[in-house]
């Protein structure tokens, strides 16, 4: 399984990266995690006719603003979009005139599926749980190619994050806050928070993404912050266009 970090910023684009979007390439399909501006790179890495699945965590703009470029793609097997209840209404608003090309007029078929908490088969195994953020946010756990991956987007430390990450081969977690920073009014993780979840969940590897653009102005800022993490060595500081194998 190949993981491509197409966009690793939170909030807005900078020279350090585009807003959040991660691509998972497996034997039988492609899975895209969120649709920040980094999603525009998807056709660099998807050049076959495997099905494409897009998992949306929530509707803050830095996670969906890239949807306006969907008409540049040619997904031969179509696109299947998954998200929480209300996803169809949001997409019918923002992926529509006068803002962009409507879903119904894209050059490939699109399905929209709304999910509640719980396990699914879509056809791969998928588990969804709500996290602790300022807006309802869904985290995901899925299994492909015999590997388990957890996607823990915008959240504070919470039980559902631990549940999703239990014994995974890779935990992809947001890291909007600086080391030691916490904000009950604007829940996000700092590097140690993400590592503590990974440790408690027995995740084998942790990749940090969604670095707040105002706090992490350079990639070096990310690297220095990650050096403050204690007791977790298998840590990846994601950068745009980084590719790893799980």
Protein backbone atom coordinates (compact mmCIF):
# COMPACT_ATOMS: atom_id res chain seq x y z
CA UNK A 1 0.00 0.00 0.00
CA UNK A 2 1.28 3.44 -0.97
CA UNK A 3 0.46 6.64 0.92
CA UNK A 4 0.82 9.95 -0.94
CA UNK A 5 0.63 13.17 1.09
CA UNK A 6 -0.80 15.51 -1.54
CA UNK A 7 -1.59 18.33 0.91
CA UNK A 8 -0.39 18.63 4.50
CA UNK A 9 -1.38 22.14 5.63
CA UNK A 10 -4.30 23.15 7.75
CA UNK A 11 -6.25 26.38 7.25
CA UNK A 12 -4.64 27.75 4.07
CA UNK A 13 -1.94 27.13 1.47
CA UNK A 14 1.62 28.36 1.98
CA UNK A 15 5.03 27.57 0.55
CA UNK A 16 5.11 24.72 3.10
CA UNK A 17 2.13 22.97 1.55
CA UNK A 18 -1.41 22.81 0.25
CA UNK A 19 -4.40 22.18 2.47
CA UNK A 20 -5.10 18.64 3.56
CA UNK A 21 -5.57 15.71 1.19
CA UNK A 22 -3.98 12.27 1.43
CA UNK A 23 -4.11 9.52 -1.19
CA UNK A 24 -3.95 5.81 -0.40
CA UNK A 25 -3.13 3.60 -3.38
CA UNK A 26 -3.95 -0.09 -2.94
CA UNK A 27 -4.15 -3.14 -5.18
CA UNK A 28 -7.85 -2.75 -5.95
CA UNK A 29 -8.75 0.89 -5.37
CA UNK A 30 -7.67 4.42 -4.47
CA UNK A 31 -8.83 6.15 -1.27
CA UNK A 32 -8.57 9.93 -0.86
CA UNK A 33 -8.75 11.37 2.64
CA UNK A 34 -10.28 14.85 2.57
CA UNK A 35 -10.35 17.31 -0.29
CA UNK A 36 -8.26 20.33 0.54
CA UNK A 37 -6.35 22.02 -2.27
CA UNK A 38 -3.83 19.20 -2.34
CA UNK A 39 -6.38 17.02 -4.12
CA UNK A 40 -5.55 18.73 -7.41
CA UNK A 41 -2.47 16.48 -7.59
CA UNK A 42 -4.50 13.26 -7.61
CA UNK A 43 -4.13 12.71 -11.36
CA UNK A 44 -0.35 12.63 -10.94
CA UNK A 45 -0.73 9.44 -8.92
CA UNK A 46 -3.98 7.91 -10.22
CA UNK A 47 -3.38 6.76 -13.78
CA UNK A 48 -5.47 3.61 -13.99
CA UNK A 49 -9.14 2.62 -13.93
CA UNK A 50 -9.39 1.45 -10.32
CA UNK A 51 -12.36 2.75 -8.29
CA UNK A 52 -11.77 5.99 -6.37
CA UNK A 53 -13.24 6.59 -2.91
CA UNK A 54 -13.21 10.02 -1.22
CA UNK A 55 -13.69 10.12 2.56
CA UNK A 56 -14.66 13.56 3.88
CA UNK A 57 -14.12 14.23 7.58
CA UNK A 58 -16.07 17.49 7.95
CA UNK A 59 -17.01 20.66 6.15
CA UNK A 60 -14.47 23.26 7.23
CA UNK A 61 -13.27 24.78 3.98
CA UNK A 62 -9.67 23.63 4.26
CA UNK A 63 -11.00 20.05 4.01
CA UNK A 64 -13.34 20.55 1.04
CA UNK A 65 -12.12 23.59 -0.92
CA UNK A 66 -10.34 21.40 -3.48
CA UNK A 67 -13.64 19.92 -4.64
CA UNK A 68 -13.97 22.70 -7.22
CA UNK A 69 -11.24 21.03 -9.33
CA UNK A 70 -12.98 17.65 -9.65
CA UNK A 71 -13.80 18.39 -13.29
CA UNK A 72 -10.09 18.15 -14.20
CA UNK A 73 -10.09 14.43 -13.43
CA UNK A 74 -11.12 11.48 -15.56
CA UNK A 75 -11.95 8.73 -13.08
CA UNK A 76 -13.01 5.91 -15.41
CA UNK A 77 -14.64 3.92 -12.60
CA UNK A 78 -16.34 6.99 -11.16
CA UNK A 79 -15.98 8.66 -7.77
CA UNK A 80 -17.69 7.48 -4.58
CA UNK A 81 -17.85 10.19 -1.90
CA UNK A 82 -18.49 9.28 1.75
CA UNK A 83 -19.19 11.57 4.68
CA UNK A 84 -21.43 12.21 7.65
CA UNK A 85 -25.15 12.93 7.50
CA UNK A 86 -25.68 16.17 5.60
CA UNK A 87 -22.89 15.57 3.09
CA UNK A 88 -25.23 15.55 0.10
CA UNK A 89 -26.73 18.93 1.04
CA UNK A 90 -23.28 20.50 1.51
CA UNK A 91 -22.00 19.14 -1.80
CA UNK A 92 -25.13 20.23 -3.66
CA UNK A 93 -24.35 23.74 -2.42
CA UNK A 94 -20.60 24.08 -2.81
CA UNK A 95 -20.02 21.78 -5.82
CA UNK A 96 -22.64 23.52 -7.89
CA UNK A 97 -23.32 26.68 -9.84
CA UNK A 98 -22.39 29.50 -9.48
CA UNK A 99 -19.28 28.23 -7.67
CA UNK A 100 -18.11 25.37 -9.88
CA UNK A 101 -19.20 22.52 -12.15
CA UNK A 102 -22.06 20.56 -10.53
CA UNK A 103 -21.49 16.93 -9.56
CA UNK A 104 -24.04 15.81 -12.16
CA UNK A 105 -22.03 17.44 -14.96
CA UNK A 106 -18.61 16.04 -14.09
CA UNK A 107 -16.96 13.87 -16.78
CA UNK A 108 -17.44 10.74 -14.67
CA UNK A 109 -20.24 9.34 -12.48
CA UNK A 110 -20.37 10.41 -8.83
CA UNK A 111 -22.09 8.68 -5.92
CA UNK A 112 -22.59 10.34 -2.53
CA UNK A 113 -23.06 8.16 0.55
CA UNK A 114 -23.87 9.41 4.05
CA UNK A 115 -22.56 7.51 7.07
CA UNK A 116 -23.26 7.26 10.77
CA UNK A 117 -20.91 5.95 13.43
CA UNK A 118 -20.14 2.27 13.04
CA UNK A 119 -18.63 -0.36 10.76
CA UNK A 120 -19.29 -0.58 7.02
CA UNK A 121 -18.21 -2.62 4.00
CA UNK A 122 -17.87 -0.32 0.97
CA UNK A 123 -16.52 -2.88 -0.25
CA UNK A 124 -13.40 -2.65 1.97
CA UNK A 125 -13.80 -2.65 5.75
CA UNK A 126 -14.45 0.87 7.06
CA UNK A 127 -15.19 2.15 10.55
CA UNK A 128 -16.43 5.68 11.27
CA UNK A 129 -16.45 7.53 14.60
CA UNK A 130 -17.09 11.13 15.53
CA UNK A 131 -14.19 13.03 17.06
CA UNK A 132 -13.98 16.09 19.33
CA UNK A 133 -13.81 19.26 17.22
CA UNK A 134 -15.55 22.61 16.91
CA UNK A 135 -17.67 21.20 14.06
CA UNK A 136 -18.91 17.58 13.80
CA UNK A 137 -15.91 15.67 12.46
CA UNK A 138 -15.69 12.04 11.46
CA UNK A 139 -12.53 9.95 11.75
CA UNK A 140 -11.98 6.76 9.78
CA UNK A 141 -10.32 3.39 10.05
CA UNK A 142 -10.04 1.14 7.01
CA UNK A 143 -8.30 -2.03 5.89
CA UNK A 144 -6.65 -2.51 2.51
CA UNK A 145 -4.02 -4.95 1.26
CA UNK A 146 -3.98 -6.62 4.68
CA UNK A 147 -3.05 -3.35 6.43
CA UNK A 148 -5.08 -1.15 8.78
CA UNK A 149 -4.95 2.66 8.54
CA UNK A 150 -6.56 5.23 10.85
CA UNK A 151 -7.27 8.79 9.75
CA UNK A 152 -7.62 11.09 12.77
CA UNK A 153 -8.41 14.57 11.44
CA UNK A 154 -9.28 17.68 13.45
CA UNK A 155 -9.87 16.67 17.08
CA UNK A 156 -8.84 16.88 20.69
CA UNK A 157 -7.64 13.73 22.46
CA UNK A 158 -10.72 11.51 22.77
CA UNK A 159 -11.78 7.89 23.18
CA UNK A 160 -12.97 7.53 19.61
CA UNK A 161 -9.54 8.49 18.30
CA UNK A 162 -8.06 5.69 20.42
CA UNK A 163 -10.70 3.28 19.17
CA UNK A 164 -10.03 4.03 15.52
CA UNK A 165 -6.25 3.79 15.92
CA UNK A 166 -6.14 0.55 17.92
CA UNK A 167 -3.35 -1.68 16.57
CA UNK A 168 -3.24 0.01 13.15
CA UNK A 169 -0.24 -0.23 10.88
CA UNK A 170 -0.41 3.52 10.23
CA UNK A 171 -2.15 6.33 12.09
CA UNK A 172 -2.45 9.57 10.10
CA UNK A 173 -3.19 12.34 12.60
CA UNK A 174 -3.66 16.08 12.44
CA UNK A 175 -1.16 18.33 14.22
CA UNK A 176 -2.52 21.87 14.13
CA UNK A 177 -1.24 22.98 17.53
CA UNK A 178 2.33 23.72 18.57
CA UNK A 179 4.10 21.62 21.22
CA UNK A 180 2.40 22.12 24.57
CA UNK A 181 -0.47 24.12 23.10
CA UNK A 182 -4.10 23.28 23.87
CA UNK A 183 -7.36 25.13 23.30
CA UNK A 184 -10.71 23.84 24.61
CA UNK A 185 -12.46 26.40 22.40
CA UNK A 186 -10.67 25.21 19.25
CA UNK A 187 -9.83 21.52 19.78
CA UNK A 188 -6.80 20.22 17.91
CA UNK A 189 -3.80 18.00 18.60
CA UNK A 190 -0.22 19.01 19.27
CA UNK A 191 2.64 16.62 18.38
CA UNK A 192 2.75 14.92 21.78
CA UNK A 193 -1.03 14.54 21.90
CA UNK A 194 -0.94 12.68 18.59
CA UNK A 195 1.94 10.51 19.79
CA UNK A 196 0.15 9.75 23.06
CA UNK A 197 -2.87 8.50 21.12
CA UNK A 198 -0.60 6.35 18.95
CA UNK A 199 1.15 4.93 22.02
CA UNK A 200 -2.07 4.16 23.87
CA UNK A 201 -3.62 2.64 20.74
CA UNK A 202 -0.49 0.58 19.93
CA UNK A 203 -0.26 2.08 16.45
CA UNK A 204 2.86 0.89 14.67
CA UNK A 205 3.56 4.12 12.80
CA UNK A 206 2.38 7.74 13.09
CA UNK A 207 2.28 10.35 10.32
CA UNK A 208 1.58 13.95 11.31
CA UNK A 209 -0.41 16.10 8.86
CA UNK A 210 -2.67 19.20 8.85
CA UNK A 211 -0.06 21.56 10.30
CA UNK A 212 -1.71 24.91 11.03
CA UNK A 213 -0.41 27.31 8.38
CA UNK A 214 -0.05 30.25 10.79
CA UNK A 215 1.76 28.25 13.45
CA UNK A 216 3.95 26.10 11.21
CA UNK A 217 5.28 28.51 8.62
CA UNK A 218 7.97 26.21 7.25
CA UNK A 219 8.62 22.50 6.96
CA UNK A 220 11.52 23.01 9.35
CA UNK A 221 9.04 24.27 11.96
CA UNK A 222 7.28 20.92 11.66
CA UNK A 223 10.50 18.97 12.02
CA UNK A 224 11.57 20.91 15.10
CA UNK A 225 8.16 20.40 16.73
CA UNK A 226 8.31 16.67 16.10
CA UNK A 227 11.64 16.52 17.94
CA UNK A 228 9.77 17.35 21.16
CA UNK A 229 7.80 14.09 21.00
CA UNK A 230 8.68 11.60 23.73
CA UNK A 231 8.51 7.82 23.68
CA UNK A 232 7.44 7.30 20.07
CA UNK A 233 10.15 6.72 17.50
CA UNK A 234 8.26 5.59 14.39
CA UNK A 235 7.13 9.11 13.57
CA UNK A 236 6.77 10.67 10.12
CA UNK A 237 6.58 14.43 9.61
CA UNK A 238 4.53 14.59 6.44
CA UNK A 239 5.41 16.98 3.64
CA UNK A 240 3.60 17.65 0.39
CA UNK A 241 4.38 15.03 -2.27
CA UNK A 242 6.01 12.67 0.24
CA UNK A 243 5.28 9.03 -0.62
CA UNK A 244 5.61 6.16 1.86
CA UNK A 245 4.89 2.46 1.69
CA UNK A 246 3.01 0.61 4.42
